N, C-alpha and C. Protein backbone atom coordinates (compact mmCIF):
# COMPACT_ATOMS: atom_id res chain seq x y z
N MET A 1 -31.21 -32.85 -14.59
CA MET A 1 -32.70 -32.61 -14.68
C MET A 1 -32.96 -32.55 -15.95
N GLY A 2 -34.26 -31.95 -16.19
CA GLY A 2 -34.78 -31.76 -17.55
C GLY A 2 -35.36 -30.51 -18.02
N LYS A 3 -35.96 -30.39 -18.98
CA LYS A 3 -36.62 -29.28 -19.24
C LYS A 3 -37.81 -29.50 -20.33
N ILE A 4 -38.82 -28.58 -20.12
CA ILE A 4 -40.09 -28.64 -20.91
C ILE A 4 -39.61 -28.09 -22.46
N ILE A 5 -39.91 -28.80 -23.45
CA ILE A 5 -39.55 -28.39 -24.83
C ILE A 5 -40.89 -27.60 -25.45
N ASP A 6 -41.94 -28.50 -25.16
CA ASP A 6 -43.23 -27.95 -25.96
C ASP A 6 -44.31 -28.23 -25.03
N ILE A 7 -45.38 -27.43 -25.18
CA ILE A 7 -46.77 -27.67 -24.35
C ILE A 7 -47.66 -27.47 -25.49
N LEU A 8 -48.73 -28.28 -25.56
CA LEU A 8 -49.72 -28.17 -26.48
C LEU A 8 -50.85 -28.45 -25.75
N ASN A 9 -52.05 -27.25 -25.91
CA ASN A 9 -53.17 -27.39 -25.19
C ASN A 9 -54.25 -28.27 -26.02
N LYS A 10 -54.47 -29.20 -25.25
CA LYS A 10 -55.29 -30.37 -25.80
C LYS A 10 -56.92 -29.90 -25.66
N SER A 11 -57.16 -29.37 -24.48
CA SER A 11 -58.70 -28.84 -24.18
C SER A 11 -58.34 -28.06 -22.79
N ASN A 12 -59.41 -27.71 -22.36
CA ASN A 12 -59.45 -26.75 -20.97
C ASN A 12 -58.78 -27.51 -19.88
N ASP A 13 -58.60 -28.67 -19.85
CA ASP A 13 -58.16 -29.37 -18.75
C ASP A 13 -57.07 -30.49 -19.10
N LYS A 14 -56.69 -30.46 -20.17
CA LYS A 14 -55.45 -31.52 -20.59
C LYS A 14 -54.34 -30.67 -21.52
N PHE A 15 -53.33 -30.99 -21.36
CA PHE A 15 -51.89 -30.42 -21.97
C PHE A 15 -51.22 -31.76 -22.30
N ALA A 16 -50.53 -31.72 -23.59
CA ALA A 16 -49.59 -32.56 -23.96
C ALA A 16 -48.35 -31.89 -23.78
N VAL A 17 -47.39 -32.39 -23.07
CA VAL A 17 -45.93 -31.76 -22.71
C VAL A 17 -44.97 -32.60 -23.28
N LYS A 18 -44.04 -32.17 -23.89
CA LYS A 18 -42.86 -32.78 -24.33
C LYS A 18 -41.65 -32.50 -23.59
N VAL A 19 -41.03 -33.39 -23.12
CA VAL A 19 -39.81 -33.20 -22.12
C VAL A 19 -38.58 -33.77 -22.51
N GLU A 20 -37.44 -33.05 -22.16
CA GLU A 20 -36.15 -33.65 -22.47
C GLU A 20 -35.39 -33.67 -21.19
N PHE A 21 -34.86 -34.85 -21.00
CA PHE A 21 -33.87 -34.97 -19.83
C PHE A 21 -32.81 -36.10 -20.16
N ASP A 22 -31.81 -36.13 -19.27
CA ASP A 22 -30.84 -37.20 -19.56
C ASP A 22 -31.35 -38.51 -19.27
N LYS A 23 -30.48 -39.55 -19.75
CA LYS A 23 -30.75 -41.02 -19.74
C LYS A 23 -30.94 -41.36 -18.32
N LYS A 24 -30.04 -40.83 -17.51
CA LYS A 24 -29.94 -41.09 -15.96
C LYS A 24 -31.35 -40.91 -15.32
N TYR A 25 -32.11 -39.99 -15.72
CA TYR A 25 -33.30 -39.75 -15.09
C TYR A 25 -34.41 -40.62 -15.74
N PHE A 26 -34.25 -40.72 -16.93
CA PHE A 26 -35.19 -41.65 -17.58
C PHE A 26 -35.01 -42.96 -17.10
N ASP A 27 -33.87 -43.45 -16.86
CA ASP A 27 -33.65 -44.80 -16.22
C ASP A 27 -34.04 -44.90 -14.83
N ASN A 28 -34.28 -43.77 -14.02
CA ASN A 28 -34.91 -43.66 -12.73
C ASN A 28 -36.38 -44.18 -12.70
N LEU A 29 -37.02 -43.99 -13.83
CA LEU A 29 -38.56 -44.30 -14.14
C LEU A 29 -38.69 -45.81 -13.92
N ARG A 30 -37.67 -46.52 -14.38
CA ARG A 30 -37.61 -48.00 -14.38
C ARG A 30 -38.90 -48.51 -15.17
N GLY A 31 -39.04 -47.61 -16.45
CA GLY A 31 -40.16 -48.17 -17.27
C GLY A 31 -41.57 -47.78 -16.99
N ASN A 32 -41.65 -47.04 -16.06
CA ASN A 32 -43.00 -46.47 -15.42
C ASN A 32 -43.22 -45.31 -16.07
N LEU A 33 -44.28 -45.22 -17.07
CA LEU A 33 -44.68 -44.08 -17.78
C LEU A 33 -46.24 -43.38 -17.44
N ASN A 34 -46.63 -44.31 -16.53
CA ASN A 34 -47.91 -43.62 -16.08
C ASN A 34 -47.78 -43.14 -14.54
N LYS A 35 -48.59 -42.20 -14.08
CA LYS A 35 -48.52 -41.62 -12.76
C LYS A 35 -47.32 -40.82 -12.64
N VAL A 36 -46.82 -40.17 -13.52
CA VAL A 36 -45.61 -39.39 -13.52
C VAL A 36 -45.76 -38.01 -13.17
N ASN A 37 -45.15 -37.34 -12.21
CA ASN A 37 -45.29 -36.04 -11.85
C ASN A 37 -44.04 -35.12 -12.23
N LEU A 38 -44.46 -34.06 -12.59
CA LEU A 38 -43.37 -32.96 -12.95
C LEU A 38 -43.39 -31.94 -11.88
N PHE A 39 -42.08 -31.39 -11.51
CA PHE A 39 -41.92 -30.41 -10.53
C PHE A 39 -40.84 -29.85 -10.81
N SER A 40 -40.68 -28.53 -10.16
CA SER A 40 -39.47 -27.68 -10.42
C SER A 40 -39.15 -27.23 -9.06
N VAL A 41 -37.76 -27.39 -8.68
CA VAL A 41 -37.44 -27.05 -7.19
C VAL A 41 -37.70 -25.37 -6.90
N GLU A 42 -37.83 -24.75 -8.19
CA GLU A 42 -38.23 -23.37 -8.07
C GLU A 42 -39.45 -22.92 -7.53
N VAL A 43 -40.41 -23.95 -7.44
CA VAL A 43 -41.78 -23.74 -6.90
C VAL A 43 -42.20 -24.37 -5.63
N PHE A 44 -40.98 -24.92 -4.90
CA PHE A 44 -41.31 -25.43 -3.62
C PHE A 44 -41.89 -24.44 -2.76
N GLU A 45 -42.88 -24.96 -1.90
CA GLU A 45 -43.66 -24.03 -1.01
C GLU A 45 -43.13 -23.91 0.44
N TYR A 46 -42.45 -25.01 0.82
CA TYR A 46 -42.40 -24.81 2.26
C TYR A 46 -40.99 -25.04 2.57
N ASN A 47 -40.51 -24.63 3.64
CA ASN A 47 -39.27 -24.77 4.23
C ASN A 47 -39.11 -25.76 5.43
N SER A 48 -38.07 -26.38 5.58
CA SER A 48 -38.01 -27.42 6.75
C SER A 48 -36.65 -27.40 7.09
N ARG A 49 -36.19 -28.45 7.92
CA ARG A 49 -34.86 -28.47 8.44
C ARG A 49 -34.63 -30.06 8.51
N VAL A 50 -33.29 -30.23 8.79
CA VAL A 50 -32.99 -31.85 9.20
C VAL A 50 -32.36 -31.51 10.55
N VAL A 51 -32.84 -32.50 11.58
CA VAL A 51 -32.25 -32.20 12.76
C VAL A 51 -31.62 -33.71 12.91
N SER A 52 -30.57 -33.45 13.95
CA SER A 52 -29.66 -34.72 14.23
C SER A 52 -29.99 -35.22 15.68
N SER A 53 -29.73 -36.48 15.92
CA SER A 53 -30.02 -36.89 17.43
C SER A 53 -29.09 -38.18 17.47
N GLY A 54 -28.98 -38.74 18.65
CA GLY A 54 -28.32 -39.91 18.74
C GLY A 54 -26.78 -39.75 18.99
N LYS A 55 -26.02 -40.75 19.14
CA LYS A 55 -24.80 -40.88 19.32
C LYS A 55 -23.91 -40.31 18.26
N ASN A 56 -23.09 -39.24 18.28
CA ASN A 56 -22.35 -38.48 17.27
C ASN A 56 -23.32 -38.12 16.33
N ASN A 57 -24.59 -37.69 16.60
CA ASN A 57 -25.59 -37.10 15.72
C ASN A 57 -25.77 -38.18 14.51
N SER A 58 -25.71 -39.45 14.83
CA SER A 58 -25.87 -40.42 13.64
C SER A 58 -27.28 -40.57 13.12
N SER A 59 -28.24 -40.20 13.73
CA SER A 59 -29.56 -40.23 13.15
C SER A 59 -30.10 -38.76 12.56
N LYS A 60 -30.80 -38.76 11.55
CA LYS A 60 -31.04 -37.48 10.95
C LYS A 60 -32.48 -37.80 10.71
N TYR A 61 -33.42 -36.52 10.91
CA TYR A 61 -34.76 -36.45 10.71
C TYR A 61 -35.18 -35.24 9.89
N PHE A 62 -36.03 -35.48 8.98
CA PHE A 62 -36.45 -34.25 8.33
C PHE A 62 -37.83 -33.94 9.03
N LEU A 63 -37.82 -32.53 9.35
CA LEU A 63 -39.08 -31.98 10.00
C LEU A 63 -40.16 -31.64 9.02
N ILE A 64 -41.30 -32.16 9.62
CA ILE A 64 -42.58 -31.82 8.47
C ILE A 64 -42.95 -30.27 8.82
N PRO A 65 -43.10 -29.68 7.96
CA PRO A 65 -43.54 -28.09 8.51
C PRO A 65 -44.98 -28.15 8.96
N ASN A 66 -45.02 -27.24 9.67
CA ASN A 66 -46.54 -26.99 10.59
C ASN A 66 -47.63 -26.63 9.47
N GLN A 67 -47.34 -26.20 8.51
CA GLN A 67 -48.26 -25.92 7.53
C GLN A 67 -49.09 -27.19 7.04
N ILE A 68 -48.34 -28.26 6.94
CA ILE A 68 -48.85 -29.40 6.23
C ILE A 68 -48.83 -30.70 7.28
N SER A 69 -48.53 -30.43 8.37
CA SER A 69 -48.29 -31.45 9.45
C SER A 69 -49.76 -32.21 9.83
N TYR A 70 -50.65 -31.42 9.71
CA TYR A 70 -52.20 -31.92 10.04
C TYR A 70 -52.71 -32.98 9.00
N GLU A 71 -52.01 -32.82 7.72
CA GLU A 71 -52.44 -33.86 6.69
C GLU A 71 -51.56 -35.10 6.76
N VAL A 72 -50.63 -35.31 7.68
CA VAL A 72 -49.62 -36.38 7.67
C VAL A 72 -49.89 -37.23 8.84
N PHE A 73 -50.43 -38.45 8.50
CA PHE A 73 -50.55 -39.49 9.62
C PHE A 73 -50.28 -40.80 9.23
N ALA A 74 -48.95 -41.21 9.29
CA ALA A 74 -48.36 -42.25 8.60
C ALA A 74 -48.61 -43.40 9.66
N ARG A 75 -49.49 -44.43 9.01
CA ARG A 75 -49.64 -45.73 9.89
C ARG A 75 -48.86 -47.01 9.32
N GLU A 76 -48.26 -46.52 7.92
CA GLU A 76 -47.56 -47.57 7.27
C GLU A 76 -46.29 -47.10 6.76
N ASP A 77 -45.56 -47.95 6.07
CA ASP A 77 -44.17 -47.34 5.64
C ASP A 77 -44.51 -46.37 4.64
N ILE A 78 -43.56 -45.38 4.57
CA ILE A 78 -43.52 -44.09 3.85
C ILE A 78 -42.48 -44.46 2.66
N SER A 79 -42.88 -44.29 1.42
CA SER A 79 -42.13 -44.66 0.26
C SER A 79 -41.35 -43.32 0.02
N TYR A 80 -40.29 -43.39 -0.69
CA TYR A 80 -39.47 -42.18 -1.01
C TYR A 80 -38.58 -42.36 -2.10
N SER A 81 -37.95 -41.45 -2.60
CA SER A 81 -36.99 -41.49 -3.83
C SER A 81 -36.00 -40.33 -3.55
N VAL A 82 -34.87 -40.54 -4.00
CA VAL A 82 -33.89 -39.35 -3.93
C VAL A 82 -33.41 -39.25 -5.41
N ILE A 83 -33.29 -37.84 -5.74
CA ILE A 83 -32.73 -37.26 -6.94
C ILE A 83 -31.83 -36.49 -6.89
N GLU A 84 -30.75 -36.63 -7.43
CA GLU A 84 -29.49 -35.87 -7.40
C GLU A 84 -29.25 -35.18 -8.64
N ASP A 85 -28.95 -33.84 -8.58
CA ASP A 85 -28.54 -33.05 -9.54
C ASP A 85 -27.10 -32.47 -9.36
N ASN A 86 -26.78 -31.55 -9.96
CA ASN A 86 -25.46 -30.72 -9.67
C ASN A 86 -25.33 -30.06 -8.46
N LEU A 87 -26.55 -29.56 -7.86
CA LEU A 87 -26.68 -28.57 -6.78
C LEU A 87 -27.51 -29.23 -5.79
N ASN A 88 -28.28 -30.31 -5.83
CA ASN A 88 -29.18 -30.42 -4.76
C ASN A 88 -29.33 -32.19 -4.67
N LEU A 89 -29.71 -32.50 -3.56
CA LEU A 89 -30.21 -33.76 -3.30
C LEU A 89 -31.79 -33.54 -3.10
N ILE A 90 -32.69 -34.15 -3.81
CA ILE A 90 -34.10 -33.81 -3.82
C ILE A 90 -34.65 -35.24 -3.25
N PHE A 91 -35.37 -34.95 -2.11
CA PHE A 91 -35.81 -36.22 -1.31
C PHE A 91 -37.40 -36.13 -1.60
N ILE A 92 -38.16 -37.17 -2.33
CA ILE A 92 -39.63 -37.06 -2.46
C ILE A 92 -40.19 -38.16 -1.53
N PHE A 93 -41.04 -37.87 -0.58
CA PHE A 93 -41.73 -38.77 0.24
C PHE A 93 -43.08 -38.82 -0.13
N ALA A 94 -43.68 -40.17 -0.18
CA ALA A 94 -45.13 -40.29 -0.49
C ALA A 94 -45.70 -40.85 0.74
N VAL A 95 -46.57 -40.05 1.42
CA VAL A 95 -47.30 -40.37 2.55
C VAL A 95 -48.82 -40.21 2.34
N ASN A 96 -49.57 -41.42 2.84
CA ASN A 96 -51.00 -41.29 2.60
C ASN A 96 -51.37 -40.23 3.69
N LYS A 97 -52.53 -39.44 3.08
CA LYS A 97 -52.93 -38.18 3.89
C LYS A 97 -53.83 -38.88 5.18
N TYR A 98 -54.49 -39.92 5.09
CA TYR A 98 -55.46 -40.37 6.11
C TYR A 98 -55.17 -41.63 6.45
């Protein structure tokens, strides 16, 4: 993972953030430097579970928490990414709200 090294207040609604992280995580951006989101696993709001079904529990599903399930109505493919650190597998899903 990475860490924030410096934050500069540019205006009331803009900040310049200087980050540091390993080359592996930079490579995961594949050259995309726009529409980048920062997050920390320490501020995740909801808890969920993974459930299994099928022969020998071969299928796994993430349950969408009740608190946000009303916002999720997927009619198309859902994009996702997996980030791995020493302690976690972090799954990030992008779902259109409506």
